[in-house]
Amino acid sequence: MNVLENVLETSASLATHFKVDARTIRRDLSVLQTKGFIRHDGPDRGGRWVVIKG
């Protein structure tokens, strides 16, 4: 994961990286999106999470 480029990997790859369940990642990403920290670019499958403010 390279946060310096302000792009997050897919939720599946984040789950693998952090060794947690994909549902945990999806829940956390939803919270971050609601709070305006990240946004999802692209299609539901295959899109990427982008950091808006860090």
PDB file of N, CA and C in Angstrom:
ATOM      1  N   MET A   1       0.848  -1.168   0.000  1.00  0.00           N
ATOM      2  CA  MET A   1       0.000   0.000   0.000  1.00  0.00           C
ATOM      3  C   MET A   1       0.890   1.226   0.000  1.00  0.00           C
ATOM      4  N   ASN A   2       0.683   2.126  -0.938  1.00  0.00           N
ATOM      5  CA  ASN A   2       1.487   3.324  -1.032  1.00  0.00           C
ATOM      6  C   ASN A   2       0.610   4.542  -0.789  1.00  0.00           C
ATOM      7  N   VAL A   3       0.535   4.983   0.455  1.00  0.00           N
ATOM      8  CA  VAL A   3      -0.310   6.117   0.804  1.00  0.00           C
ATOM      9  C   VAL A   3       0.266   7.413   0.255  1.00  0.00           C
ATOM     10  N   LEU A   4       1.570   7.459  -0.005  1.00  0.00           N
ATOM     11  CA  LEU A   4       2.182   8.669  -0.539  1.00  0.00           C
ATOM     12  C   LEU A   4       1.569   9.073  -1.872  1.00  0.00           C
ATOM     13  N   GLU A   5       1.095   8.100  -2.622  1.00  0.00           N
ATOM     14  CA  GLU A   5       0.441   8.401  -3.893  1.00  0.00           C
ATOM     15  C   GLU A   5      -1.046   8.651  -3.707  1.00  0.00           C
ATOM     16  N   ASN A   6      -1.529   8.635  -2.464  1.00  0.00           N
ATOM     17  CA  ASN A   6      -2.929   8.863  -2.135  1.00  0.00           C
ATOM     18  C   ASN A   6      -3.878   7.876  -2.797  1.00  0.00           C
ATOM     19  N   VAL A   7      -3.427   6.659  -3.017  1.00  0.00           N
ATOM     20  CA  VAL A   7      -4.293   5.630  -3.587  1.00  0.00           C
ATOM     21  C   VAL A   7      -4.210   4.391  -2.710  1.00  0.00           C
ATOM     22  N   LEU A   8      -5.350   3.865  -2.335  1.00  0.00           N
ATOM     23  CA  LEU A   8      -5.407   2.633  -1.564  1.00  0.00           C
ATOM     24  C   LEU A   8      -5.739   1.484  -2.502  1.00  0.00           C
ATOM     25  N   GLU A   9      -5.291   0.320  -2.152  1.00  0.00           N
ATOM     26  CA  GLU A   9      -5.567  -0.875  -2.934  1.00  0.00           C
ATOM     27  C   GLU A   9      -7.029  -1.275  -2.780  1.00  0.00           C
ATOM     28  N   THR A  10      -7.393  -2.370  -3.402  1.00  0.00           N
ATOM     29  CA  THR A  10      -8.742  -2.892  -3.264  1.00  0.00           C
ATOM     30  C   THR A  10      -8.970  -3.389  -1.841  1.00  0.00           C
ATOM     31  N   SER A  11     -10.230  -3.521  -1.462  1.00  0.00           N
ATOM     32  CA  SER A  11     -10.535  -3.990  -0.109  1.00  0.00           C
ATOM     33  C   SER A  11     -10.003  -5.405   0.122  1.00  0.00           C
ATOM     34  N   ALA A  12     -10.023  -6.243  -0.913  1.00  0.00           N
ATOM     35  CA  ALA A  12      -9.502  -7.604  -0.770  1.00  0.00           C
ATOM     36  C   ALA A  12      -8.001  -7.597  -0.499  1.00  0.00           C
ATOM     37  N   SER A  13      -7.262  -6.766  -1.218  1.00  0.00           N
ATOM     38  CA  SER A  13      -5.808  -6.733  -0.985  1.00  0.00           C
ATOM     39  C   SER A  13      -5.474  -6.089   0.362  1.00  0.00           C
ATOM     40  N   LEU A  14      -6.286  -5.131   0.801  1.00  0.00           N
ATOM     41  CA  LEU A  14      -6.074  -4.547   2.124  1.00  0.00           C
ATOM     42  C   LEU A  14      -6.320  -5.590   3.214  1.00  0.00           C
ATOM     43  N   ALA A  15      -7.356  -6.406   3.040  1.00  0.00           N
ATOM     44  CA  ALA A  15      -7.650  -7.459   4.021  1.00  0.00           C
ATOM     45  C   ALA A  15      -6.487  -8.433   4.117  1.00  0.00           C
ATOM     46  N   THR A  16      -5.925  -8.795   2.983  1.00  0.00           N
ATOM     47  CA  THR A  16      -4.777  -9.693   2.976  1.00  0.00           C
ATOM     48  C   THR A  16      -3.572  -9.035   3.646  1.00  0.00           C
ATOM     49  N   HIS A  17      -3.324  -7.787   3.302  1.00  0.00           N
ATOM     50  CA  HIS A  17      -2.171  -7.062   3.853  1.00  0.00           C
ATOM     51  C   HIS A  17      -2.242  -6.958   5.375  1.00  0.00           C
ATOM     52  N   PHE A  18      -3.423  -6.608   5.892  1.00  0.00           N
ATOM     53  CA  PHE A  18      -3.574  -6.408   7.331  1.00  0.00           C
ATOM     54  C   PHE A  18      -4.004  -7.665   8.080  1.00  0.00           C
ATOM     55  N   LYS A  19      -4.184  -8.772   7.329  1.00  0.00           N
ATOM     56  CA  LYS A  19      -4.551 -10.062   7.921  1.00  0.00           C
ATOM     57  C   LYS A  19      -5.832  -9.968   8.747  1.00  0.00           C
ATOM     58  N   VAL A  20      -6.847  -9.345   8.148  1.00  0.00           N
ATOM     59  CA  VAL A  20      -8.166  -9.262   8.761  1.00  0.00           C
ATOM     60  C   VAL A  20      -9.203  -9.706   7.737  1.00  0.00           C
ATOM     61  N   ASP A  21     -10.414  -9.904   8.199  1.00  0.00           N
ATOM     62  CA  ASP A  21     -11.495 -10.310   7.320  1.00  0.00           C
ATOM     63  C   ASP A  21     -11.883  -9.160   6.382  1.00  0.00           C
ATOM     64  N   ALA A  22     -12.279  -9.493   5.176  1.00  0.00           N
ATOM     65  CA  ALA A  22     -12.675  -8.476   4.191  1.00  0.00           C
ATOM     66  C   ALA A  22     -13.859  -7.658   4.685  1.00  0.00           C
ATOM     67  N   ARG A  23     -14.741  -8.261   5.484  1.00  0.00           N
ATOM     68  CA  ARG A  23     -15.884  -7.508   6.025  1.00  0.00           C
ATOM     69  C   ARG A  23     -15.412  -6.385   6.944  1.00  0.00           C
ATOM     70  N   THR A  24     -14.359  -6.627   7.692  1.00  0.00           N
ATOM     71  CA  THR A  24     -13.796  -5.595   8.563  1.00  0.00           C
ATOM     72  C   THR A  24     -13.290  -4.427   7.730  1.00  0.00           C
ATOM     73  N   ILE A  25     -12.578  -4.727   6.658  1.00  0.00           N
ATOM     74  CA  ILE A  25     -12.056  -3.680   5.773  1.00  0.00           C
ATOM     75  C   ILE A  25     -13.199  -2.893   5.157  1.00  0.00           C
ATOM     76  N   ARG A  26     -14.216  -3.591   4.645  1.00  0.00           N
ATOM     77  CA  ARG A  26     -15.345  -2.898   4.019  1.00  0.00           C
ATOM     78  C   ARG A  26     -16.059  -1.985   5.011  1.00  0.00           C
ATOM     79  N   ARG A  27     -16.222  -2.450   6.253  1.00  0.00           N
ATOM     80  CA  ARG A  27     -16.861  -1.625   7.281  1.00  0.00           C
ATOM     81  C   ARG A  27     -16.024  -0.379   7.575  1.00  0.00           C
ATOM     82  N   ASP A  28     -14.713  -0.578   7.739  1.00  0.00           N
ATOM     83  CA  ASP A  28     -13.834   0.553   8.038  1.00  0.00           C
ATOM     84  C   ASP A  28     -13.770   1.546   6.873  1.00  0.00           C
ATOM     85  N   LEU A  29     -13.732   1.025   5.642  1.00  0.00           N
ATOM     86  CA  LEU A  29     -13.708   1.906   4.473  1.00  0.00           C
ATOM     87  C   LEU A  29     -14.999   2.705   4.374  1.00  0.00           C
ATOM     88  N   SER A  30     -16.113   2.084   4.718  1.00  0.00           N
ATOM     89  CA  SER A  30     -17.397   2.778   4.703  1.00  0.00           C
ATOM     90  C   SER A  30     -17.406   3.950   5.680  1.00  0.00           C
ATOM     91  N   VAL A  31     -16.859   3.735   6.866  1.00  0.00           N
ATOM     92  CA  VAL A  31     -16.773   4.802   7.868  1.00  0.00           C
ATOM     93  C   VAL A  31     -15.884   5.936   7.353  1.00  0.00           C
ATOM     94  N   LEU A  32     -14.724   5.587   6.805  1.00  0.00           N
ATOM     95  CA  LEU A  32     -13.807   6.605   6.282  1.00  0.00           C
ATOM     96  C   LEU A  32     -14.438   7.384   5.135  1.00  0.00           C
ATOM     97  N   GLN A  33     -15.210   6.692   4.292  1.00  0.00           N
ATOM     98  CA  GLN A  33     -15.876   7.356   3.177  1.00  0.00           C
ATOM     99  C   GLN A  33     -16.961   8.309   3.692  1.00  0.00           C
ATOM    100  N   THR A  34     -17.737   7.871   4.666  1.00  0.00           N
ATOM    101  CA  THR A  34     -18.788   8.708   5.245  1.00  0.00           C
ATOM    102  C   THR A  34     -18.213   9.969   5.872  1.00  0.00           C
ATOM    103  N   LYS A  35     -17.037   9.845   6.479  1.00  0.00           N
ATOM    104  CA  LYS A  35     -16.397  10.996   7.123  1.00  0.00           C
ATOM    105  C   LYS A  35     -15.625  11.873   6.140  1.00  0.00           C
ATOM    106  N   GLY A  36     -15.570  11.479   4.872  1.00  0.00           N
ATOM    107  CA  GLY A  36     -14.931  12.302   3.853  1.00  0.00           C
ATOM    108  C   GLY A  36     -13.429  12.147   3.735  1.00  0.00           C
ATOM    109  N   PHE A  37     -12.866  11.082   4.281  1.00  0.00           N
ATOM    110  CA  PHE A  37     -11.426  10.877   4.197  1.00  0.00           C
ATOM    111  C   PHE A  37     -10.999  10.180   2.911  1.00  0.00           C
ATOM    112  N   ILE A  38     -11.880   9.352   2.366  1.00  0.00           N
ATOM    113  CA  ILE A  38     -11.554   8.617   1.147  1.00  0.00           C
ATOM    114  C   ILE A  38     -12.749   8.646   0.201  1.00  0.00           C
ATOM    115  N   ARG A  39     -12.499   8.304  -1.057  1.00  0.00           N
ATOM    116  CA  ARG A  39     -13.579   8.127  -2.024  1.00  0.00           C
ATOM    117  C   ARG A  39     -13.235   6.924  -2.888  1.00  0.00           C
ATOM    118  N   HIS A  40     -14.241   6.354  -3.496  1.00  0.00           N
ATOM    119  CA  HIS A  40     -14.046   5.184  -4.350  1.00  0.00           C
ATOM    120  C   HIS A  40     -14.123   5.624  -5.799  1.00  0.00           C
ATOM    121  N   ASP A  41     -13.096   5.314  -6.578  1.00  0.00           N
ATOM    122  CA  ASP A  41     -13.061   5.624  -8.006  1.00  0.00           C
ATOM    123  C   ASP A  41     -13.187   4.347  -8.810  1.00  0.00           C
ATOM    124  N   GLY A  42     -13.966   4.398  -9.863  1.00  0.00           N
ATOM    125  CA  GLY A  42     -14.094   3.250 -10.743  1.00  0.00           C
ATOM    126  C   GLY A  42     -15.305   2.407 -10.407  1.00  0.00           C
ATOM    127  N   PRO A  43     -15.416   1.271 -11.081  1.00  0.00           N
ATOM    128  CA  PRO A  43     -16.564   0.390 -10.862  1.00  0.00           C
ATOM    129  C   PRO A  43     -16.525  -0.258  -9.480  1.00  0.00           C
ATOM    130  N   ASP A  44     -17.681  -0.778  -9.047  1.00  0.00           N
ATOM    131  CA  ASP A  44     -17.741  -1.446  -7.741  1.00  0.00           C
ATOM    132  C   ASP A  44     -16.729  -2.574  -7.641  1.00  0.00           C
ATOM    133  N   ARG A  45     -16.585  -3.325  -8.700  1.00  0.00           N
ATOM    134  CA  ARG A  45     -15.576  -4.391  -8.740  1.00  0.00           C
ATOM    135  C   ARG A  45     -14.405  -3.888  -9.580  1.00  0.00           C
ATOM    136  N   GLY A  46     -13.263  -3.792  -8.958  1.00  0.00           N
ATOM    137  CA  GLY A  46     -12.082  -3.372  -9.682  1.00  0.00           C
ATOM    138  C   GLY A  46     -11.718  -1.907  -9.496  1.00  0.00           C
ATOM    139  N   GLY A  47     -12.550  -1.145  -8.788  1.00  0.00           N
ATOM    140  CA  GLY A  47     -12.222   0.240  -8.534  1.00  0.00           C
ATOM    141  C   GLY A  47     -11.150   0.362  -7.457  1.00  0.00           C
ATOM    142  N   ARG A  48     -10.798   1.579  -7.126  1.00  0.00           N
ATOM    143  CA  ARG A  48      -9.750   1.823  -6.127  1.00  0.00           C
ATOM    144  C   ARG A  48     -10.227   2.873  -5.141  1.00  0.00           C
ATOM    145  N   TRP A  49      -9.706   2.796  -3.931  1.00  0.00           N
ATOM    146  CA  TRP A  49      -9.972   3.805  -2.903  1.00  0.00           C
ATOM    147  C   TRP A  49      -8.908   4.876  -2.974  1.00  0.00           C
ATOM    148  N   VAL A  50      -9.322   6.139  -2.936  1.00  0.00           N
ATOM    149  CA  VAL A  50      -8.390   7.258  -3.038  1.00  0.00           C
ATOM    150  C   VAL A  50      -8.520   8.102  -1.763  1.00  0.00           C
ATOM    151  N   VAL A  51      -7.367   8.462  -1.183  1.00  0.00           N
ATOM    152  CA  VAL A  51      -7.343   9.300   0.015  1.00  0.00           C
ATOM    153  C   VAL A  51      -7.632  10.738  -0.376  1.00  0.00           C
ATOM    154  N   ILE A  52      -8.625  11.355   0.257  1.00  0.00           N
ATOM    155  CA  ILE A  52      -8.960  12.759   0.004  1.00  0.00           C
ATOM    156  C   ILE A  52      -8.213  13.649   0.984  1.00  0.00           C
ATOM    157  N   LYS A  53      -8.252  13.280   2.257  1.00  0.00           N
ATOM    158  CA  LYS A  53      -7.500  14.038   3.266  1.00  0.00           C
ATOM    159  C   LYS A  53      -6.898  13.061   4.256  1.00  0.00           C
ATOM    160  N   GLY A  54      -5.696  13.353   4.687  1.00  0.00           N
ATOM    161  CA  GLY A  54      -4.990  12.418   5.551  1.00  0.00           C
ATOM    162  C   GLY A  54      -4.696  12.998   6.823  1.00  0.00           C
TER     163      GLY A  54
END
